[in-house]
Every structure is written in structure tokens, then in C-alpha cells.
N, C-alpha and C. Protein backbone atom coordinates (compact mmCIF):
# COMPACT_ATOMS: atom_id res chain seq x y z
N MET A 1 17.14 -67.97 28.46
CA MET A 1 17.29 -66.64 27.59
C MET A 1 16.55 -66.49 26.87
N ARG A 2 15.89 -67.98 26.04
CA ARG A 2 16.18 -67.58 24.90
C ARG A 2 14.44 -68.06 24.38
N SER A 3 13.20 -68.30 25.78
CA SER A 3 12.08 -67.77 25.76
C SER A 3 12.38 -66.06 25.31
N VAL A 4 12.83 -65.59 26.55
CA VAL A 4 13.00 -64.05 26.21
C VAL A 4 12.99 -63.61 24.63
N LEU A 5 13.64 -63.94 24.36
CA LEU A 5 14.06 -63.55 23.48
C LEU A 5 13.43 -63.86 22.03
N ARG A 6 12.20 -64.94 21.93
CA ARG A 6 11.36 -65.23 20.56
C ARG A 6 10.59 -64.89 21.27
N ASP A 7 9.80 -64.16 22.54
CA ASP A 7 8.82 -63.85 23.36
C ASP A 7 8.75 -62.56 22.87
N ASN A 8 7.29 -62.09 21.35
CA ASN A 8 7.17 -60.92 21.45
C ASN A 8 5.74 -60.03 21.28
N ARG A 9 5.29 -60.60 22.27
CA ARG A 9 3.32 -59.95 23.33
C ARG A 9 4.38 -58.60 22.73
N GLY A 10 3.04 -57.65 22.53
CA GLY A 10 3.47 -56.18 23.13
C GLY A 10 3.49 -55.36 21.78
N ILE A 11 4.74 -56.00 21.21
CA ILE A 11 5.41 -55.20 20.62
C ILE A 11 4.01 -54.92 19.00
N ALA A 12 3.40 -55.37 18.77
CA ALA A 12 2.51 -54.53 18.16
C ALA A 12 1.79 -53.38 18.76
N LEU A 13 1.02 -53.18 19.77
CA LEU A 13 1.24 -51.70 20.59
C LEU A 13 2.27 -51.30 20.24
N GLY A 14 3.49 -51.29 20.70
CA GLY A 14 4.58 -50.18 21.03
C GLY A 14 4.77 -49.79 19.24
N VAL A 15 4.50 -50.49 18.12
CA VAL A 15 4.93 -50.13 16.72
C VAL A 15 3.89 -48.92 16.41
N ALA A 16 2.63 -49.62 16.74
CA ALA A 16 1.10 -49.10 16.62
C ALA A 16 1.51 -47.63 17.15
N LEU A 17 1.32 -47.86 18.80
CA LEU A 17 1.73 -46.10 18.73
C LEU A 17 2.87 -45.01 18.77
N PHE A 18 3.97 -46.11 17.59
CA PHE A 18 4.62 -44.82 17.63
C PHE A 18 4.21 -44.33 15.81
N ALA A 19 3.97 -45.61 15.71
CA ALA A 19 2.98 -44.95 13.55
C ALA A 19 2.53 -44.04 14.38
N LEU A 20 0.70 -43.93 14.93
CA LEU A 20 0.27 -42.39 14.83
C LEU A 20 0.64 -40.79 15.41
N VAL A 21 1.93 -41.51 16.39
CA VAL A 21 2.50 -40.29 16.81
C VAL A 21 2.73 -39.34 15.52
N VAL A 22 3.72 -40.36 14.48
CA VAL A 22 4.36 -40.68 13.02
C VAL A 22 3.23 -39.38 12.46
N VAL A 23 2.04 -40.74 11.86
CA VAL A 23 1.52 -39.86 11.52
C VAL A 23 0.58 -37.58 12.18
N GLY A 24 0.72 -37.94 13.71
CA GLY A 24 -0.22 -36.92 14.32
C GLY A 24 1.04 -36.10 13.73
N ALA A 25 2.05 -35.78 13.93
CA ALA A 25 3.18 -35.21 13.11
C ALA A 25 3.11 -35.07 12.00
N LEU A 26 2.49 -35.51 10.85
CA LEU A 26 3.09 -35.21 9.30
C LEU A 26 1.87 -34.47 9.20
N VAL A 27 0.09 -34.54 10.36
CA VAL A 27 -0.69 -33.90 10.07
C VAL A 27 -0.85 -32.89 10.55
N ALA A 28 -0.27 -32.42 11.91
CA ALA A 28 0.01 -30.88 12.17
C ALA A 28 0.78 -29.66 11.43
N GLY A 29 1.38 -31.15 10.52
CA GLY A 29 3.32 -29.62 9.58
C GLY A 29 2.36 -30.00 9.09
N ALA A 30 1.15 -31.01 8.43
CA ALA A 30 0.57 -29.95 6.88
C ALA A 30 -0.11 -28.50 6.93
N PHE A 31 -1.26 -28.62 8.60
CA PHE A 31 -2.01 -27.72 8.63
C PHE A 31 -1.16 -27.53 9.43
N PHE A 32 0.04 -27.11 10.21
CA PHE A 32 1.17 -25.11 10.08
C PHE A 32 1.70 -25.09 9.50
N ALA A 33 1.73 -26.03 7.72
CA ALA A 33 2.29 -25.64 6.81
C ALA A 33 1.13 -24.26 6.05
N GLY A 34 0.08 -24.35 6.00
CA GLY A 34 -1.65 -24.25 5.42
C GLY A 34 -2.04 -22.62 6.29
N LEU A 35 -1.58 -23.25 7.81
CA LEU A 35 -1.73 -22.04 8.14
C LEU A 35 -0.99 -21.17 7.22
N GLN A 36 0.33 -21.46 7.61
CA GLN A 36 1.36 -20.38 7.02
C GLN A 36 1.65 -19.78 6.04
N GLU A 37 1.03 -20.54 4.81
CA GLU A 37 -0.01 -20.14 3.76
C GLU A 37 -0.71 -19.66 3.50
N GLN A 38 -1.90 -19.62 3.80
CA GLN A 38 -3.08 -18.92 4.37
C GLN A 38 -2.31 -17.56 4.89
N ARG A 39 -1.96 -17.35 6.31
CA ARG A 39 -1.42 -15.95 6.64
C ARG A 39 -0.21 -15.01 5.87
N LEU A 40 0.55 -15.29 4.28
CA LEU A 40 1.42 -15.14 3.55
C LEU A 40 0.67 -14.59 2.46
N GLY A 41 -0.78 -15.23 2.38
CA GLY A 41 -1.42 -14.43 1.19
C GLY A 41 -1.77 -13.11 1.85
N GLU A 42 -2.92 -14.07 3.19
CA GLU A 42 -3.11 -11.96 3.51
C GLU A 42 -2.34 -10.68 3.43
N ASN A 43 -1.09 -11.80 3.77
CA ASN A 43 -0.35 -10.03 3.92
C ASN A 43 0.38 -9.58 2.79
N GLN A 44 0.15 -10.50 1.59
CA GLN A 44 1.10 -10.19 0.80
C GLN A 44 -0.71 -9.56 -0.02
N ARG A 45 -1.84 -9.61 0.46
CA ARG A 45 -2.49 -9.21 0.02
C ARG A 45 -3.54 -7.58 0.51
N SER A 46 -2.64 -7.32 1.55
CA SER A 46 -3.19 -6.01 2.22
C SER A 46 -1.63 -4.79 2.33
N ILE A 47 -0.31 -6.02 1.59
CA ILE A 47 0.29 -5.10 1.86
C ILE A 47 0.23 -3.75 -0.60
N HIS A 48 0.07 -4.57 -1.01
CA HIS A 48 -0.54 -4.86 -2.01
C HIS A 48 -2.07 -3.34 -2.11
N THR A 49 -3.08 -3.49 -1.42
CA THR A 49 -3.87 -2.92 -0.70
C THR A 49 -3.66 -1.68 -0.81
N ALA A 50 -2.50 -2.07 0.83
CA ALA A 50 -2.00 -0.54 0.96
C ALA A 50 -1.21 0.27 -0.53
N PHE A 51 -0.36 -0.80 -1.18
CA PHE A 51 0.54 0.37 -1.66
C PHE A 51 0.30 1.41 -3.04
N SER A 52 -1.44 0.79 -3.11
CA SER A 52 -2.87 0.69 -4.28
C SER A 52 -2.98 1.94 -3.36
N ILE A 53 -3.33 2.37 -2.38
CA ILE A 53 -4.37 3.17 -1.88
C ILE A 53 -3.44 4.22 -1.98
N ALA A 54 -2.09 4.06 -1.35
CA ALA A 54 -1.45 5.55 -1.59
C ALA A 54 -0.86 6.36 -2.17
N GLU A 55 -0.76 4.80 -3.55
CA GLU A 55 -0.10 5.18 -5.03
C GLU A 55 -2.05 6.30 -5.08
N THR A 56 -3.15 5.54 -5.47
CA THR A 56 -4.18 6.28 -5.90
C THR A 56 -3.97 8.16 -5.07
N GLY A 57 -3.43 8.07 -3.67
CA GLY A 57 -3.71 8.66 -3.38
C GLY A 57 -3.03 10.54 -3.87
N ALA A 58 -1.38 9.69 -4.15
CA ALA A 58 -0.66 10.17 -4.57
C ALA A 58 -1.31 10.74 -6.05
N GLU A 59 -1.78 10.05 -6.51
CA GLU A 59 -2.13 10.76 -7.80
C GLU A 59 -3.52 12.04 -7.93
N LEU A 60 -4.31 11.50 -6.74
CA LEU A 60 -4.92 12.16 -6.35
C LEU A 60 -4.85 13.23 -6.22
N GLN A 61 -3.61 14.14 -5.42
CA GLN A 61 -3.32 15.38 -4.82
C GLN A 61 -3.02 16.05 -5.60
N LEU A 62 -1.96 15.07 -6.58
CA LEU A 62 -1.50 16.12 -7.95
C LEU A 62 -2.53 16.27 -8.25
N MET A 63 -3.95 15.74 -8.73
CA MET A 63 -4.45 16.40 -9.50
C MET A 63 -5.51 17.48 -8.66
N MET A 64 -5.55 17.73 -7.94
CA MET A 64 -6.18 18.45 -6.88
C MET A 64 -5.01 19.56 -6.61
N GLN A 65 -4.24 19.89 -7.11
CA GLN A 65 -3.28 21.03 -6.53
C GLN A 65 -2.92 21.58 -8.26
N ASP A 66 -2.71 22.60 -7.97
CA ASP A 66 -2.83 23.88 -8.86
C ASP A 66 -0.68 23.93 -8.71
N ALA A 67 -0.93 23.39 -10.09
CA ALA A 67 1.25 23.67 -9.96
C ALA A 67 2.30 24.80 -10.33
N ALA A 68 0.67 25.53 -10.61
CA ALA A 68 1.17 27.21 -9.94
C ALA A 68 1.42 26.96 -8.71
N GLN A 69 0.64 26.88 -8.03
CA GLN A 69 0.90 27.42 -6.14
C GLN A 69 1.86 26.64 -5.98
N LEU A 70 2.29 25.58 -6.22
CA LEU A 70 3.05 24.61 -6.05
C LEU A 70 4.27 25.11 -6.48
N SER A 71 4.62 25.62 -8.30
CA SER A 71 6.01 25.78 -8.60
C SER A 71 6.52 27.45 -7.11
N LEU A 72 6.07 28.47 -6.75
CA LEU A 72 6.09 29.17 -5.90
C LEU A 72 6.55 28.92 -4.46
N ARG A 73 6.00 27.84 -4.41
CA ARG A 73 6.56 27.23 -2.68
C ARG A 73 8.37 27.21 -2.67
N PRO A 74 8.95 27.93 -1.43
CA PRO A 74 10.11 27.94 -0.86
C PRO A 74 10.32 25.96 -1.27
N LEU A 75 11.44 25.74 -1.13
CA LEU A 75 12.13 24.86 -1.39
C LEU A 75 12.14 23.72 0.37
N TYR A 76 12.56 21.89 0.14
CA TYR A 76 12.36 21.63 1.03
C TYR A 76 14.00 22.18 2.02
N PRO A 77 13.58 22.01 3.49
CA PRO A 77 13.53 21.99 3.88
C PRO A 77 12.43 23.20 4.89
N ASP A 78 12.13 24.12 4.03
CA ASP A 78 11.57 24.35 4.45
C ASP A 78 10.03 25.41 4.44
N ASP A 79 9.50 24.00 3.41
CA ASP A 79 8.35 23.99 3.21
C ASP A 79 7.28 22.49 3.31
N SER A 80 6.52 22.62 3.10
CA SER A 80 5.89 21.31 2.93
C SER A 80 3.96 21.41 2.30
N VAL A 81 3.71 20.17 1.37
CA VAL A 81 2.86 20.64 1.25
C VAL A 81 2.05 19.39 2.35
N VAL A 82 0.34 19.59 2.92
CA VAL A 82 0.17 18.12 3.59
C VAL A 82 -0.59 17.40 3.59
N ILE A 83 -0.60 15.98 3.56
CA ILE A 83 -2.17 15.34 2.26
C ILE A 83 -2.24 15.03 3.55
N GLY A 84 -3.84 14.92 4.12
CA GLY A 84 -4.54 14.12 4.84
C GLY A 84 -3.28 13.68 6.08
N PRO A 85 -3.21 14.99 6.60
CA PRO A 85 -2.36 14.33 8.21
C PRO A 85 -3.32 13.30 9.17
N ASP A 86 -1.42 12.53 9.61
CA ASP A 86 -1.97 11.05 10.34
C ASP A 86 -2.98 10.09 9.88
N LEU A 87 -2.73 10.04 7.78
CA LEU A 87 -3.52 9.31 7.91
C LEU A 87 -4.94 9.64 8.03
N ALA A 88 -4.82 10.60 7.32
CA ALA A 88 -7.02 10.59 7.84
C ALA A 88 -7.39 11.14 6.43
N ALA A 89 -6.77 11.12 5.21
CA ALA A 89 -7.87 11.31 4.12
C ALA A 89 -8.57 9.72 3.56
N ALA A 90 -9.72 10.08 3.23
CA ALA A 90 -10.24 7.74 2.72
C ALA A 90 -10.06 8.00 1.07
N ALA A 91 -8.94 6.77 1.20
CA ALA A 91 -9.88 6.91 0.04
C ALA A 91 -11.50 6.31 -0.65
N PRO A 92 -10.80 6.45 -2.39
CA PRO A 92 -12.29 6.74 -2.76
C PRO A 92 -13.36 5.31 -3.15
N ASP A 93 -12.65 4.09 -2.54
CA ASP A 93 -13.82 2.95 -2.81
C ASP A 93 -13.15 2.73 -1.09
N GLY A 94 -12.95 3.95 0.17
CA GLY A 94 -13.33 3.08 1.19
C GLY A 94 -12.77 1.91 2.48
N ILE A 95 -11.73 1.68 1.43
CA ILE A 95 -10.96 0.28 1.15
C ILE A 95 -9.67 0.60 2.94
N GLY A 96 -9.25 2.15 2.39
CA GLY A 96 -8.33 2.22 3.78
C GLY A 96 -8.37 3.69 4.03
N ARG A 97 -7.41 4.72 4.10
CA ARG A 97 -7.40 6.16 4.28
C ARG A 97 -5.18 6.00 3.66
N TYR A 98 -5.17 7.59 3.94
CA TYR A 98 -4.13 7.41 2.99
C TYR A 98 -3.25 9.33 4.02
N GLY A 99 -2.29 9.11 3.50
CA GLY A 99 -1.85 10.48 3.87
C GLY A 99 0.01 10.72 3.66
N GLY A 100 0.21 12.06 3.87
CA GLY A 100 1.54 12.47 3.47
C GLY A 100 2.03 13.39 3.40
N GLN A 101 3.04 14.40 2.40
CA GLN A 101 3.20 15.94 2.17
C GLN A 101 3.97 15.41 1.12
N ILE A 102 4.43 16.55 0.25
CA ILE A 102 4.61 16.89 -0.45
C ILE A 102 5.70 18.05 -0.38
N TYR A 103 6.96 17.40 -0.92
CA TYR A 103 7.88 18.37 -0.76
C TYR A 103 8.70 19.09 -1.73
N LYS A 104 9.35 20.64 -2.37
CA LYS A 104 10.50 20.87 -3.41
C LYS A 104 11.56 20.56 -3.36
N VAL A 105 11.83 19.74 -3.68
CA VAL A 105 13.38 19.98 -4.29
C VAL A 105 14.11 20.80 -4.73
N GLY A 106 13.29 21.59 -6.04
CA GLY A 106 13.95 22.00 -7.17
C GLY A 106 13.46 22.55 -7.83
N PRO A 107 14.00 23.41 -8.82
CA PRO A 107 13.07 24.53 -9.05
C PRO A 107 11.09 24.09 -9.90
N ASN A 108 10.63 21.95 -10.81
CA ASN A 108 10.64 21.69 -10.63
C ASN A 108 10.33 20.08 -10.57
N ILE A 109 11.17 19.09 -10.09
CA ILE A 109 11.65 18.74 -8.80
C ILE A 109 10.51 18.39 -7.26
N PHE A 110 9.93 17.42 -7.12
CA PHE A 110 9.13 16.97 -6.22
C PHE A 110 8.84 15.52 -5.35
N LEU A 111 9.32 16.05 -4.70
CA LEU A 111 9.13 14.96 -4.11
C LEU A 111 7.93 14.82 -2.75
N ILE A 112 7.00 13.47 -3.73
CA ILE A 112 5.82 13.24 -2.79
C ILE A 112 5.72 11.65 -1.14
N ASP A 113 5.60 11.81 -0.17
CA ASP A 113 5.50 10.81 0.74
C ASP A 113 5.03 10.70 1.12
N ILE A 114 4.68 9.34 0.90
CA ILE A 114 2.54 9.20 0.84
C ILE A 114 2.71 7.62 1.68
N ALA A 115 1.65 7.45 2.41
CA ALA A 115 1.37 6.78 3.22
C ALA A 115 0.06 5.81 3.23
N GLY A 116 0.07 4.94 3.04
CA GLY A 116 -1.45 4.28 2.71
C GLY A 116 -1.74 3.54 3.37
N ARG A 117 -3.50 2.36 3.86
CA ARG A 117 -3.06 1.70 4.75
C ARG A 117 -4.53 1.27 4.76
N ASP A 118 -4.08 -0.36 4.49
CA ASP A 118 -5.37 -0.77 4.53
C ASP A 118 -6.36 -1.12 6.02
N THR A 119 -7.58 -0.45 5.47
CA THR A 119 -8.56 -1.22 5.94
C THR A 119 -9.77 -1.97 6.83
N ALA A 120 -9.66 -2.33 5.41
CA ALA A 120 -10.78 -3.34 4.91
C ALA A 120 -10.02 -5.07 5.63
N GLY A 121 -8.90 -5.15 5.47
CA GLY A 121 -8.39 -6.65 5.79
C GLY A 121 -8.68 -6.86 6.98
N LEU A 122 -9.15 -7.83 7.59
CA LEU A 122 -9.25 -9.21 8.85
C LEU A 122 -9.20 -8.32 9.81
N GLY A 123 -9.30 -6.72 9.70
CA GLY A 123 -9.31 -5.49 10.86
C GLY A 123 -7.88 -5.22 11.15
N ARG A 124 -7.16 -5.59 10.78
CA ARG A 124 -6.05 -4.87 10.88
C ARG A 124 -5.45 -3.96 10.09
N SER A 125 -4.89 -3.07 10.54
CA SER A 125 -4.20 -2.03 9.90
C SER A 125 -2.56 -3.04 9.08
N GLU A 126 -2.67 -2.24 7.80
CA GLU A 126 -0.80 -2.18 7.13
C GLU A 126 -0.26 -0.84 6.37
N GLU A 127 0.70 -0.60 6.25
CA GLU A 127 0.71 1.09 5.67
C GLU A 127 1.96 0.59 5.15
N HIS A 128 1.77 1.09 4.06
CA HIS A 128 3.24 1.11 2.54
C HIS A 128 3.77 2.64 2.36
């Protein structure tokens, strides 16, 4: 019985395999965390780009509209001004599209509902 307890042959293989599994798990975790960071960064870039496209589209549409004509329009829900139906209007720099509507909600108060789409990032589309 004493010879069995003192015989440690083969323990190095088990410890080495266990160490390889632990190191492999750490490396896999590091790669996973790096990939998630990359995805997060790309999503944030796409969201900010879509927001910028929508904001630029709203500004361009307001500059093109005649204030006197907008003031004569009926109040919401009877009428609205369509901006690039189905996100069809192209952004000036060509990186996306925008579309939406302008609603008159008071005598001199207008609601602008506009969406932007980033079409330049990794072949995906993001709306904001």
C-alpha cells in the first residue's frame, strides 16, 4: 500500500494537460473579449453615423422648405410633408440615406420625424 502512495509517476502529464486547458481558456476568453470590443466599436460608429445623416437630412430639408408655405399647412394629423419616402433621399456625402416627415403641431411649431441609415459600414444598415 505504501508503494502506491509514494509512486507519483504520470502526475506531470496530468498537470501539463490541466495547465494547457487553463491557458487555452484564458486565450479564448481574451480573443472573445477583443471581438466583442470590436463589434461594440463598429456599432457605435454606425449609430453615430446614422444620427449624423438624419440630422444633416433634417437641416437640408428645413433649408429647402419655404417657411410661408409650411405655415399655411393644416395641423397634424390632417397633413404632413414627406421627406425622402422610405429613406430614399441620399446623404450629401453618399454614406447613407434619410427619410421622414414634417408635422405642423401648432401655429409656429413643427415636429420633424426623420431617420438616417448608414449604408457605408460593413455592408450593414443601421437606423437611428
